[in-house]
Amino acid sequence: MNAIETFELTRKYGDATVLDDLTLSIKQGTILGFLGPNGAGKTTTLNLLIGLIAPTSGQARVLGFDSTREAQRVRERIGVLLEDHGLYEYLSAYDNLEFFGRVNKMSKLERARRIQELMEKVGLWEKRDQQVKEWSKGMKQKLAICRALLHQPKILFLDEPTSGLDPASQRMVREEILDLKASENVTIFLNTHNLDEAERVCDEIAIINKGRLITRGTPDEIKTGATTDGHILITIDSLPAEAEAELNALPFVKTVTTNGQRLQVITDTPMRSAEINRLLVSHGVAVSELHRQQASLEEIFVQLVEEERHDA
């Protein structure tokens, strides 16, 4: 079953198209990373899905409900963590969750059970009586995730959950996201421009630029299917000058770099290693190791966004 579906979802502000014809489906229990540069349409998409704004055209369905016409029913079943954590700094951590539990019309018994369960899960229970203003950003973010999960939502929407955190806190929040997905069985829609974060925690990634979806798949599928430059790493005994000159003269070779017995050749596609090897062997070069280095998600992301910019 799909937890989220959009059909030709479009949002305009005057003449500016912020989201253009987005069609997307996300299966239940998936962590989807929604990536894009600043201004790509990520936050607009999230706001459309949770019913804060209406589309210009098209439709979004969340847990089977229309996110515009049935926005209240959607919001009752989802948890949302925006960039502003929304906590009350002068209340204790426990009282924050108690307040939001009342807002969600949870019974007294259910509030007490759920608050303790979540705070223990993220390692905050022993600090429950401390004022939130005394806490680090990472601890506040963990509490905000507890708040978003308090009423046991089926879907959790996270908007840049590690933005502004130090590396240790980022790692802590990422670990909590993975643990909570497993223990709470929630679908997670993760808005981010942090590529390392997306690759570490997401089952699938969708990349958006200028309001248009440009690719979607698992991190490995995106890296395998991308038509990026080829990075070929070779271990050799030595490289004669004439062999290096011939390598540089090949039409598909972009750069040749040597460092002792290490040779790196960057080509126009990843599928040139056999030709490189033949040329080296023809010059009597002893090749002890040769492998293709897969492009990183960051390299692919930059290339896709650049291609969109040039095609526009």
Protein backbone atom coordinates (compact mmCIF):
# COMPACT_ATOMS: atom_id res chain seq x y z
CA MET A 1 0.00 0.00 0.00
CA ASN A 2 1.17 3.52 -0.79
CA ALA A 3 1.37 5.88 2.18
CA ILE A 4 1.76 8.96 -0.04
CA GLU A 5 0.68 9.57 -3.63
CA THR A 6 0.79 12.70 -5.74
CA PHE A 7 -0.72 13.13 -9.20
CA GLU A 8 0.54 15.97 -11.41
CA LEU A 9 0.82 18.14 -8.30
CA THR A 10 1.47 21.77 -9.22
CA ARG A 11 1.75 24.95 -7.17
CA LYS A 12 2.13 28.45 -8.61
CA TYR A 13 2.58 31.84 -6.99
CA GLY A 14 1.51 34.34 -9.61
CA ASP A 15 3.50 33.52 -12.74
CA ALA A 16 6.15 31.55 -10.83
CA THR A 17 5.77 27.75 -10.85
CA VAL A 18 7.26 26.48 -7.59
CA LEU A 19 6.19 22.85 -8.03
CA ASP A 20 5.64 21.49 -11.52
CA ASP A 21 3.60 18.36 -12.26
CA LEU A 22 4.94 16.16 -9.43
CA THR A 23 3.80 12.54 -9.64
CA LEU A 24 5.22 10.38 -6.87
CA SER A 25 4.24 7.34 -4.78
CA ILE A 26 5.82 6.20 -1.52
CA LYS A 27 5.17 2.77 -0.04
CA GLN A 28 4.28 2.31 3.60
CA GLY A 29 7.30 1.78 5.85
CA THR A 30 9.75 3.56 3.52
CA ILE A 31 12.18 6.35 4.38
CA LEU A 32 12.18 8.64 1.35
CA GLY A 33 14.80 11.36 1.12
CA PHE A 34 13.46 14.36 -0.80
CA LEU A 35 16.56 16.18 -2.02
CA GLY A 36 17.12 19.42 -3.84
CA PRO A 37 19.04 22.68 -3.67
CA ASN A 38 17.58 25.63 -1.78
CA GLY A 39 14.50 26.92 -3.57
CA ALA A 40 13.91 23.63 -5.43
CA GLY A 41 10.36 23.17 -4.08
CA LYS A 42 10.99 20.79 -1.16
CA THR A 43 9.22 22.79 1.54
CA THR A 44 6.34 23.64 -0.81
CA THR A 45 5.88 19.92 -1.47
CA LEU A 46 5.84 19.15 2.26
CA ASN A 47 3.32 21.94 2.93
CA LEU A 48 1.07 20.57 0.18
CA LEU A 49 1.26 17.04 1.57
CA ILE A 50 0.34 18.07 5.12
CA GLY A 51 -2.48 20.32 3.95
CA LEU A 52 -1.04 23.71 4.91
CA ILE A 53 -1.48 25.03 1.37
CA ALA A 54 -3.63 23.97 -1.57
CA PRO A 55 -2.29 22.99 -4.99
CA THR A 56 -2.90 25.10 -8.07
CA SER A 57 -3.71 21.83 -9.85
CA GLY A 58 -3.24 18.12 -9.32
CA GLN A 59 -3.80 16.09 -6.17
CA ALA A 60 -1.97 14.71 -3.16
CA ARG A 61 -3.25 11.76 -1.14
CA VAL A 62 -1.82 10.85 2.26
CA LEU A 63 -2.94 7.54 3.80
CA GLY A 64 -5.74 7.54 1.25
CA PHE A 65 -7.05 11.00 2.19
CA ASP A 66 -7.01 14.05 -0.05
CA SER A 67 -4.54 16.42 1.63
CA THR A 68 -6.61 19.50 0.70
CA ARG A 69 -10.24 18.42 1.13
CA GLU A 70 -9.49 16.09 4.05
CA ALA A 71 -6.59 18.00 5.61
CA GLN A 72 -7.80 17.51 9.19
CA ARG A 73 -8.01 13.73 8.78
CA VAL A 74 -4.50 13.76 7.33
CA ARG A 75 -3.08 15.82 10.20
CA GLU A 76 -4.63 13.52 12.82
CA ARG A 77 -2.60 10.64 11.37
CA ILE A 78 0.78 12.23 10.72
CA GLY A 79 3.65 13.67 12.74
CA VAL A 80 5.48 16.78 11.54
CA LEU A 81 8.86 18.20 12.52
CA LEU A 82 9.62 21.49 10.79
CA GLU A 83 12.93 23.39 10.99
CA ASP A 84 11.60 25.22 14.07
CA HIS A 85 11.25 22.46 16.67
CA GLY A 86 8.13 24.10 18.18
CA LEU A 87 9.01 23.32 21.80
CA TYR A 88 8.28 25.56 24.79
CA GLU A 89 11.70 26.47 26.20
CA TYR A 90 10.53 27.31 29.75
CA LEU A 91 8.55 24.12 30.23
CA SER A 92 10.18 20.88 31.29
CA ALA A 93 10.70 18.20 28.67
CA TYR A 94 7.94 16.11 30.23
CA ASP A 95 5.50 19.01 30.39
CA ASN A 96 6.14 19.79 26.73
CA LEU A 97 5.05 16.30 25.75
CA GLU A 98 2.18 16.38 28.24
CA PHE A 99 0.91 19.58 26.61
CA PHE A 100 1.11 18.20 23.07
CA GLY A 101 -0.52 14.96 24.20
CA ARG A 102 -3.50 16.99 25.45
CA VAL A 103 -3.61 18.88 22.15
CA ASN A 104 -3.82 15.51 20.39
CA LYS A 105 -6.70 14.49 22.73
CA MET A 106 -4.83 11.53 24.19
CA SER A 107 -6.13 10.08 27.46
CA LYS A 108 -4.19 10.67 30.69
CA LEU A 109 -3.10 7.02 30.87
CA GLU A 110 -2.06 6.93 27.21
CA ARG A 111 -0.13 10.19 27.58
CA ALA A 112 1.83 8.91 30.56
CA ARG A 113 2.60 5.56 28.91
CA ARG A 114 3.60 7.04 25.57
CA ILE A 115 5.73 9.88 27.00
CA GLN A 116 7.76 7.46 29.10
CA GLU A 117 8.07 4.97 26.23
CA LEU A 118 9.39 7.56 23.76
CA MET A 119 11.68 9.40 26.18
CA GLU A 120 13.26 6.13 27.29
CA LYS A 121 13.69 5.13 23.65
CA VAL A 122 15.73 8.24 22.83
CA GLY A 123 17.60 8.35 26.15
CA LEU A 124 15.88 11.43 27.63
CA TRP A 125 13.75 9.93 30.41
CA GLU A 126 16.23 10.71 33.20
CA LYS A 127 16.23 14.38 32.11
CA ARG A 128 12.44 14.70 31.83
CA ASP A 129 12.13 17.36 34.56
CA GLN A 130 14.75 19.71 33.11
CA GLN A 131 13.69 22.88 31.32
CA VAL A 132 14.16 22.59 27.57
CA LYS A 133 16.08 25.88 27.46
CA GLU A 134 18.96 24.13 29.28
CA TRP A 135 19.36 21.52 26.55
CA SER A 136 21.65 21.26 23.51
CA LYS A 137 20.23 21.51 19.99
CA GLY A 138 20.64 17.77 19.54
CA MET A 139 18.65 16.96 22.69
CA LYS A 140 15.92 19.42 21.67
CA GLN A 141 15.71 17.78 18.27
CA LYS A 142 15.32 14.34 19.86
CA LEU A 143 12.53 15.70 22.06
CA ALA A 144 10.88 17.28 19.01
CA ILE A 145 10.93 13.89 17.30
CA CYS A 146 9.22 12.44 20.41
CA ARG A 147 6.60 15.19 20.12
CA ALA A 148 5.98 14.35 16.46
CA LEU A 149 5.61 10.63 17.29
CA LEU A 150 3.54 11.06 20.46
CA HIS A 151 0.15 10.16 18.96
CA GLN A 152 1.60 7.18 17.02
CA PRO A 153 1.34 8.65 13.52
CA LYS A 154 1.56 6.47 10.43
CA ILE A 155 3.80 8.98 8.62
CA LEU A 156 6.51 11.27 9.95
CA PHE A 157 7.40 14.39 7.95
CA LEU A 158 10.85 15.78 8.77
CA ASP A 159 12.07 19.09 7.34
CA GLU A 160 15.89 19.38 7.56
CA PRO A 161 16.01 17.57 10.95
CA THR A 162 19.79 17.91 11.37
CA SER A 163 20.15 21.47 10.09
CA GLY A 164 22.34 23.57 12.40
CA LEU A 165 23.46 20.61 14.52
CA ASP A 166 27.08 19.70 15.23
CA PRO A 167 28.35 16.41 13.68
CA ALA A 168 27.84 14.39 16.87
CA SER A 169 24.24 15.60 17.21
CA GLN A 170 23.60 14.95 13.51
CA ARG A 171 24.75 11.36 13.95
CA MET A 172 22.59 10.99 17.06
CA VAL A 173 19.46 12.22 15.25
CA ARG A 174 20.16 9.98 12.22
CA GLU A 175 20.45 6.96 14.51
CA GLU A 176 17.15 7.86 16.18
CA ILE A 177 15.44 8.12 12.78
CA LEU A 178 16.57 4.60 11.85
CA ASP A 179 15.67 3.16 15.27
CA LEU A 180 12.24 4.78 15.24
CA LYS A 181 11.48 3.55 11.74
CA ALA A 182 12.15 0.00 12.91
CA SER A 183 10.35 0.23 16.26
CA GLU A 184 7.43 2.49 15.29
CA ASN A 185 6.90 1.11 11.75
CA VAL A 186 6.39 4.60 10.33
CA THR A 187 6.83 5.96 6.83
CA ILE A 188 9.28 8.87 6.87
CA PHE A 189 9.32 11.74 4.36
CA LEU A 190 12.69 13.41 4.88
CA ASN A 191 13.25 16.84 3.36
CA THR A 192 16.98 17.48 3.20
CA HIS A 193 19.86 18.85 1.17
CA ASN A 194 22.32 16.82 3.27
CA LEU A 195 23.45 14.13 0.82
CA ASP A 196 25.44 12.15 3.36
CA GLU A 197 22.39 12.01 5.62
CA ALA A 198 20.15 10.84 2.78
CA GLU A 199 22.55 8.10 1.73
CA ARG A 200 22.92 6.84 5.31
CA VAL A 201 19.25 6.65 6.33
CA CYS A 202 17.02 6.57 3.24
CA ASP A 203 15.57 3.54 1.45
CA GLU A 204 14.85 5.70 -1.58
CA ILE A 205 15.81 9.16 -2.80
CA ALA A 206 13.92 11.59 -5.01
CA ILE A 207 15.81 14.59 -6.39
CA ILE A 208 13.92 17.75 -7.28
CA ASN A 209 15.17 20.91 -8.96
CA LYS A 210 13.25 24.02 -9.99
CA GLY A 211 10.03 22.30 -8.97
CA ARG A 212 10.52 19.25 -11.19
CA LEU A 213 11.35 15.69 -10.20
CA ILE A 214 14.56 14.74 -12.04
CA THR A 215 15.30 11.25 -10.68
CA ARG A 216 14.13 8.73 -8.10
CA GLY A 217 15.45 5.37 -6.83
CA THR A 218 17.51 3.73 -4.11
CA PRO A 219 20.90 5.36 -3.46
CA ASP A 220 22.63 2.46 -5.24
CA GLU A 221 20.25 2.62 -8.22
CA ILE A 222 20.88 6.33 -8.64
CA LYS A 223 24.65 5.89 -8.42
CA THR A 224 24.67 2.89 -10.76
CA GLY A 225 22.37 4.44 -13.35
CA ALA A 226 23.97 7.87 -13.50
CA THR A 227 25.93 8.79 -16.62
CA THR A 228 28.74 10.42 -14.67
CA ASP A 229 32.43 10.66 -15.45
CA GLY A 230 34.44 7.47 -14.96
CA HIS A 231 37.06 7.47 -12.20
CA ILE A 232 39.56 4.66 -12.93
CA LEU A 233 42.19 3.91 -10.28
CA ILE A 234 45.23 1.88 -11.39
CA THR A 235 48.30 0.53 -9.60
CA ILE A 236 51.30 0.27 -11.95
CA ASP A 237 55.07 -0.21 -11.79
CA SER A 238 55.86 2.94 -13.78
CA LEU A 239 54.36 5.07 -16.55
CA PRO A 240 56.52 5.86 -19.60
CA ALA A 241 56.16 9.38 -20.96
CA GLU A 242 54.85 8.13 -24.32
CA ALA A 243 52.13 6.08 -22.59
CA GLU A 244 51.05 9.10 -20.56
CA ALA A 245 50.98 11.22 -23.73
CA GLU A 246 48.81 8.65 -25.53
CA LEU A 247 46.43 8.47 -22.56
CA ASN A 248 46.00 12.24 -22.57
CA ALA A 249 45.41 12.17 -26.34
CA LEU A 250 42.48 9.73 -26.13
CA PRO A 251 39.23 11.60 -26.98
CA PHE A 252 37.32 10.16 -24.00
CA VAL A 253 40.02 10.96 -21.39
CA LYS A 254 39.53 14.13 -19.36
CA THR A 255 42.48 14.03 -16.96
CA VAL A 256 45.44 11.79 -16.11
CA THR A 257 47.02 12.08 -12.65
CA THR A 258 50.02 10.12 -11.36
CA ASN A 259 51.21 9.77 -7.78
CA GLY A 260 54.06 7.28 -7.50
CA GLN A 261 52.59 3.91 -8.47
CA ARG A 262 49.02 5.24 -8.40
CA LEU A 263 47.42 6.39 -11.62
CA GLN A 264 43.99 8.03 -11.82
CA VAL A 265 42.28 8.48 -15.18
CA ILE A 266 39.00 10.39 -15.43
CA THR A 267 36.99 9.55 -18.55
CA ASP A 268 33.72 10.77 -20.06
CA THR A 269 31.85 7.59 -18.98
CA PRO A 270 32.57 4.88 -16.37
CA MET A 271 32.93 2.13 -19.03
CA ARG A 272 36.45 2.82 -20.38
CA SER A 273 38.65 0.68 -18.12
CA ALA A 274 39.29 -2.09 -20.71
CA GLU A 275 40.55 0.42 -23.28
CA ILE A 276 42.79 2.09 -20.71
CA ASN A 277 44.21 -1.28 -19.67
CA ARG A 278 44.95 -2.31 -23.29
CA LEU A 279 46.85 0.91 -23.94
CA LEU A 280 48.98 0.50 -20.82
CA VAL A 281 49.78 -3.16 -21.57
CA SER A 282 50.74 -2.25 -25.17
CA HIS A 283 53.42 0.02 -23.68
CA GLY A 284 54.73 -2.73 -21.41
CA VAL A 285 53.25 -1.21 -18.25
CA ALA A 286 52.72 -3.82 -15.50
CA VAL A 287 49.19 -3.27 -14.14
CA SER A 288 48.76 -4.92 -10.72
CA GLU A 289 45.34 -3.44 -9.90
CA LEU A 290 42.62 -1.61 -11.82
CA HIS A 291 39.15 -0.69 -10.64
CA ARG A 292 36.42 1.80 -11.35
CA GLN A 293 35.55 4.17 -8.54
CA GLN A 294 31.80 4.72 -8.33
CA ALA A 295 30.71 8.34 -8.38
CA SER A 296 29.46 9.63 -5.03
CA LEU A 297 25.86 10.66 -4.53
CA GLU A 298 27.09 14.23 -4.14
CA GLU A 299 28.82 14.16 -7.55
CA ILE A 300 25.68 12.76 -9.18
CA PHE A 301 23.46 15.31 -7.44
CA VAL A 302 25.63 18.21 -8.63
CA GLN A 303 25.73 16.84 -12.17
CA LEU A 304 21.95 16.33 -12.37
CA VAL A 305 21.25 19.82 -11.07
CA GLU A 306 23.80 21.32 -13.49
CA GLU A 307 22.26 19.43 -16.43
CA GLU A 308 18.83 20.79 -15.50
CA ARG A 309 20.26 24.31 -15.33
CA HIS A 310 21.84 24.02 -18.79
CA ASP A 311 18.67 22.46 -20.28
CA ALA A 312 16.46 25.25 -18.92
